[in-house]
């Protein structure tokens, strides 16, 4: 026992030295406030309206956003559908991390400020958006259609939250509104919540929509619904000016799926666009979609 006590007391200084060394190593890998501020200053000076700013790794976003501010990372960019609306990409990075968006971009310039790296990359020519259905949801008319009748969903204004209100179609999740929702990969998207209803279909219709060459969109199921991999599909149908319907199916494993409807013959004109959402088993079908009319990519 005495020998063990001797070894214990001899080992204590070594343990203390090891802990101090580890602590110093951890601290040496943590960017200083001045590093973040200097990196943010570079982005701020060179930023353009069509630029996208991301942080890598993503868990560092909260710290970085304190210095970047809302102007460089507005809600529409942080919770974007994809990168097609952006021409350039700024990556604010620590510990050598890379952003998934970099795989489709060309590096133009790199800066190093302390432990923070800033990279500027070229994404390509941004899409020219004519109409964003998410940002204009308040201009829609929403109703529930069944075999026997149509039931309108009244607009309920809300002074707080996103979108200024929502359309009430029933209790609980039976409403249509703009929300930030996580897909199966836990990435946020600003989108229209449109949960399917029982024994009918949910219709979201827009009149007098400026049209481009394509109607571009994404659709998904909220994380907690999609991860189960045990529920039936949701069908989204798009009709323009009463023409042929185009249907797209979202299943649990699809995550955030893209869809497009060619509209070249309508480019430069205005049209009525109707989205309808239906599911045979609507329970736990926490469905949402985002779409716009555009020209370009």
Foldseek 3Di string as FASTA:
>chain_A
DVVVVVVVVVCVVVVVVVVVVVVVVVVLQDDDPQLLLVQLVVCVVPPDPQEAEAEPPNVCVVVSCVNNDCVNPPPCRQQDLDSQQHFKYKYWYAPPGDDPLCVQWAWDDWDGRRRIIITMTTNHDHWAFQWWCQQVLVQKWKWWDAPPDIGTFDWDADPDDPPRTWTHDDPDQQIWHWDWAAWQVGRTHTWIWHQADARTKMKIKHFFGAAAQKKKKKKGFGNVLLVVQPDDKKKKWKDKQNDDIDIDIYHSPCIIGMDMDGDNVQHRGTIMMMIMMHDNDRPSRRMTMIITHTDDD
